[in-house]
N, C-alpha and C. Protein backbone atom coordinates (compact mmCIF):
# COMPACT_ATOMS: atom_id res chain seq x y z
N MET A 1 -51.95 -87.27 -31.62
CA MET A 1 -53.09 -88.00 -31.16
C MET A 1 -53.66 -88.90 -32.24
N GLY A 2 -53.24 -88.72 -33.47
CA GLY A 2 -53.71 -89.58 -34.54
C GLY A 2 -55.02 -89.15 -35.18
N VAL A 3 -55.57 -88.03 -34.79
CA VAL A 3 -56.85 -87.57 -35.34
C VAL A 3 -56.72 -87.27 -36.83
N GLU A 4 -55.58 -86.77 -37.23
CA GLU A 4 -55.40 -86.38 -38.63
C GLU A 4 -55.51 -87.59 -39.57
N TYR A 5 -55.01 -88.74 -39.15
CA TYR A 5 -55.13 -89.95 -39.97
C TYR A 5 -56.60 -90.35 -40.10
N GLU A 6 -57.32 -90.24 -39.02
CA GLU A 6 -58.75 -90.56 -39.03
C GLU A 6 -59.49 -89.61 -39.98
N LEU A 7 -59.15 -88.34 -39.93
CA LEU A 7 -59.79 -87.35 -40.79
C LEU A 7 -59.46 -87.60 -42.26
N ASP A 8 -58.23 -87.96 -42.54
CA ASP A 8 -57.83 -88.27 -43.92
C ASP A 8 -58.63 -89.44 -44.47
N ASP A 9 -58.79 -90.49 -43.65
CA ASP A 9 -59.57 -91.66 -44.08
C ASP A 9 -61.03 -91.29 -44.33
N LEU A 10 -61.60 -90.50 -43.44
CA LEU A 10 -62.99 -90.10 -43.60
C LEU A 10 -63.18 -89.24 -44.84
N ALA A 11 -62.27 -88.29 -45.05
CA ALA A 11 -62.35 -87.43 -46.24
C ALA A 11 -62.25 -88.27 -47.51
N ALA A 12 -61.35 -89.24 -47.52
CA ALA A 12 -61.20 -90.10 -48.70
C ALA A 12 -62.48 -90.89 -48.97
N THR A 13 -63.12 -91.37 -47.92
CA THR A 13 -64.38 -92.10 -48.08
C THR A 13 -65.45 -91.22 -48.69
N PHE A 14 -65.61 -90.01 -48.16
CA PHE A 14 -66.61 -89.09 -48.70
C PHE A 14 -66.32 -88.73 -50.16
N LYS A 15 -65.05 -88.53 -50.49
CA LYS A 15 -64.68 -88.15 -51.86
C LYS A 15 -64.83 -89.33 -52.82
N GLU A 16 -64.22 -90.45 -52.47
CA GLU A 16 -64.14 -91.58 -53.40
C GLU A 16 -65.45 -92.36 -53.51
N SER A 17 -66.13 -92.54 -52.40
CA SER A 17 -67.34 -93.36 -52.41
C SER A 17 -68.60 -92.58 -52.75
N TYR A 18 -68.63 -91.30 -52.40
CA TYR A 18 -69.86 -90.53 -52.56
C TYR A 18 -69.71 -89.29 -53.44
N GLY A 19 -68.49 -88.94 -53.83
CA GLY A 19 -68.27 -87.80 -54.70
C GLY A 19 -68.43 -86.45 -54.02
N PHE A 20 -68.36 -86.42 -52.69
CA PHE A 20 -68.50 -85.16 -51.96
C PHE A 20 -67.20 -84.37 -51.95
N ASP A 21 -67.32 -83.06 -51.97
CA ASP A 21 -66.17 -82.19 -51.70
C ASP A 21 -65.98 -82.16 -50.19
N THR A 22 -64.75 -82.15 -49.75
CA THR A 22 -64.48 -82.12 -48.32
C THR A 22 -63.45 -81.05 -47.99
N GLU A 23 -63.44 -80.67 -46.75
CA GLU A 23 -62.42 -79.77 -46.22
C GLU A 23 -62.07 -80.26 -44.83
N THR A 24 -60.79 -80.42 -44.59
CA THR A 24 -60.32 -80.78 -43.26
C THR A 24 -59.77 -79.53 -42.62
N TRP A 25 -60.24 -79.24 -41.43
CA TRP A 25 -59.83 -78.04 -40.71
C TRP A 25 -59.52 -78.44 -39.28
N LEU A 26 -58.31 -78.18 -38.85
CA LEU A 26 -57.89 -78.52 -37.49
C LEU A 26 -58.07 -77.31 -36.58
N ILE A 27 -58.63 -77.53 -35.42
CA ILE A 27 -58.85 -76.46 -34.46
C ILE A 27 -57.49 -75.97 -33.97
N PRO A 28 -57.23 -74.67 -34.09
CA PRO A 28 -55.92 -74.14 -33.68
C PRO A 28 -55.77 -74.09 -32.16
N ASN A 29 -54.55 -74.01 -31.71
CA ASN A 29 -54.27 -73.91 -30.28
C ASN A 29 -54.56 -72.52 -29.73
N HIS A 30 -54.40 -71.50 -30.56
CA HIS A 30 -54.62 -70.11 -30.13
C HIS A 30 -56.09 -69.74 -30.29
N GLN A 31 -56.74 -69.38 -29.22
CA GLN A 31 -58.16 -69.00 -29.20
C GLN A 31 -59.03 -70.01 -29.95
N PRO A 32 -59.00 -71.27 -29.53
CA PRO A 32 -59.72 -72.30 -30.27
C PRO A 32 -61.23 -72.09 -30.29
N HIS A 33 -61.80 -71.59 -29.21
CA HIS A 33 -63.24 -71.40 -29.16
C HIS A 33 -63.70 -70.38 -30.21
N LEU A 34 -62.99 -69.26 -30.28
CA LEU A 34 -63.34 -68.23 -31.26
C LEU A 34 -63.13 -68.72 -32.68
N ALA A 35 -62.02 -69.42 -32.90
CA ALA A 35 -61.73 -69.92 -34.24
C ALA A 35 -62.80 -70.93 -34.69
N LEU A 36 -63.23 -71.78 -33.77
CA LEU A 36 -64.24 -72.78 -34.11
C LEU A 36 -65.58 -72.11 -34.42
N MET A 37 -65.96 -71.12 -33.63
CA MET A 37 -67.21 -70.40 -33.90
C MET A 37 -67.14 -69.67 -35.24
N ARG A 38 -65.99 -69.05 -35.52
CA ARG A 38 -65.80 -68.32 -36.77
C ARG A 38 -65.90 -69.27 -37.97
N LYS A 39 -65.28 -70.43 -37.85
CA LYS A 39 -65.29 -71.40 -38.94
C LYS A 39 -66.70 -71.94 -39.18
N ALA A 40 -67.42 -72.24 -38.10
CA ALA A 40 -68.79 -72.74 -38.24
C ALA A 40 -69.67 -71.70 -38.93
N PHE A 41 -69.56 -70.45 -38.53
CA PHE A 41 -70.34 -69.38 -39.16
C PHE A 41 -69.98 -69.26 -40.64
N GLU A 42 -68.70 -69.32 -40.94
CA GLU A 42 -68.24 -69.22 -42.33
C GLU A 42 -68.81 -70.36 -43.19
N MET A 43 -68.81 -71.56 -42.65
CA MET A 43 -69.32 -72.71 -43.40
C MET A 43 -70.82 -72.57 -43.69
N VAL A 44 -71.59 -72.17 -42.68
CA VAL A 44 -73.03 -71.99 -42.87
C VAL A 44 -73.29 -70.85 -43.85
N GLN A 45 -72.54 -69.76 -43.72
CA GLN A 45 -72.72 -68.61 -44.60
C GLN A 45 -72.40 -68.98 -46.05
N ASN A 46 -71.34 -69.74 -46.27
CA ASN A 46 -70.90 -70.06 -47.64
C ASN A 46 -71.65 -71.24 -48.27
N PHE A 47 -72.08 -72.19 -47.44
CA PHE A 47 -72.61 -73.43 -48.02
C PHE A 47 -73.97 -73.83 -47.46
N GLY A 48 -74.51 -73.08 -46.54
CA GLY A 48 -75.76 -73.48 -45.90
C GLY A 48 -76.99 -73.08 -46.70
N ASN A 49 -77.27 -73.84 -47.73
CA ASN A 49 -78.50 -73.59 -48.49
C ASN A 49 -79.19 -74.92 -48.80
N VAL A 50 -80.36 -74.85 -49.37
CA VAL A 50 -81.17 -76.05 -49.56
C VAL A 50 -80.53 -77.07 -50.52
N ASP A 51 -79.59 -76.64 -51.34
CA ASP A 51 -78.97 -77.54 -52.30
C ASP A 51 -77.72 -78.23 -51.76
N ASN A 52 -77.32 -77.92 -50.54
CA ASN A 52 -76.10 -78.47 -49.97
C ASN A 52 -76.38 -79.29 -48.72
N LEU A 53 -75.59 -80.31 -48.54
CA LEU A 53 -75.61 -81.10 -47.33
C LEU A 53 -74.31 -80.82 -46.59
N LEU A 54 -74.41 -80.26 -45.40
CA LEU A 54 -73.23 -80.00 -44.58
C LEU A 54 -73.10 -81.11 -43.56
N ILE A 55 -71.95 -81.75 -43.55
CA ILE A 55 -71.66 -82.77 -42.55
C ILE A 55 -70.46 -82.28 -41.76
N VAL A 56 -70.62 -82.16 -40.47
CA VAL A 56 -69.53 -81.71 -39.60
C VAL A 56 -69.13 -82.88 -38.72
N TYR A 57 -67.86 -83.21 -38.76
CA TYR A 57 -67.32 -84.27 -37.91
C TYR A 57 -66.35 -83.61 -36.95
N TYR A 58 -66.62 -83.72 -35.68
CA TYR A 58 -65.77 -83.12 -34.67
C TYR A 58 -65.06 -84.23 -33.92
N ALA A 59 -63.74 -84.14 -33.85
CA ALA A 59 -62.95 -85.11 -33.07
C ALA A 59 -62.10 -84.31 -32.09
N GLY A 60 -62.22 -84.64 -30.85
CA GLY A 60 -61.44 -83.95 -29.84
C GLY A 60 -62.08 -84.12 -28.48
N HIS A 61 -61.58 -83.38 -27.54
CA HIS A 61 -62.06 -83.48 -26.17
C HIS A 61 -62.36 -82.08 -25.66
N GLY A 62 -63.26 -82.00 -24.74
CA GLY A 62 -63.60 -80.73 -24.14
C GLY A 62 -64.36 -80.96 -22.84
N GLY A 63 -64.70 -79.88 -22.22
CA GLY A 63 -65.44 -79.94 -20.96
C GLY A 63 -65.94 -78.56 -20.62
N MET A 64 -66.41 -78.40 -19.40
CA MET A 64 -66.87 -77.09 -18.94
C MET A 64 -66.20 -76.76 -17.62
N ASN A 65 -65.92 -75.48 -17.45
CA ASN A 65 -65.37 -75.05 -16.17
C ASN A 65 -66.51 -74.74 -15.20
N SER A 66 -66.19 -74.26 -14.04
CA SER A 66 -67.21 -74.00 -13.02
C SER A 66 -68.17 -72.88 -13.42
N SER A 67 -67.80 -72.05 -14.39
CA SER A 67 -68.67 -70.98 -14.89
C SER A 67 -69.49 -71.42 -16.09
N ARG A 68 -69.44 -72.72 -16.39
CA ARG A 68 -70.17 -73.31 -17.52
C ARG A 68 -69.67 -72.80 -18.87
N GLN A 69 -68.39 -72.44 -18.92
CA GLN A 69 -67.77 -72.03 -20.18
C GLN A 69 -67.02 -73.23 -20.74
N PRO A 70 -66.94 -73.34 -22.10
CA PRO A 70 -66.28 -74.50 -22.69
C PRO A 70 -64.76 -74.47 -22.44
N LEU A 71 -64.23 -75.65 -22.21
CA LEU A 71 -62.79 -75.85 -22.12
C LEU A 71 -62.41 -76.79 -23.25
N TRP A 72 -61.48 -76.37 -24.09
CA TRP A 72 -61.05 -77.20 -25.21
C TRP A 72 -59.71 -77.80 -24.87
N THR A 73 -59.55 -79.05 -25.12
CA THR A 73 -58.28 -79.72 -24.87
C THR A 73 -57.79 -80.37 -26.15
N TRP A 74 -56.50 -80.58 -26.24
CA TRP A 74 -55.92 -81.22 -27.43
C TRP A 74 -54.75 -82.05 -27.02
């Protein structure tokens, strides 16, 4: 889908232009909802303090089913 190239360019901009540390993490195909929630919790737990700026960039598609549960697509 080309998302990885977009992420690489964005990471390079943050690193080279602003001196930020970056991490690129791709949502896995297996249990994506749980993995995404786990990763978000981990990021806040490890870096969510007053001295840090967390920027999350999400690229992808999703929706909701009839039970109002998230559907992740790739």
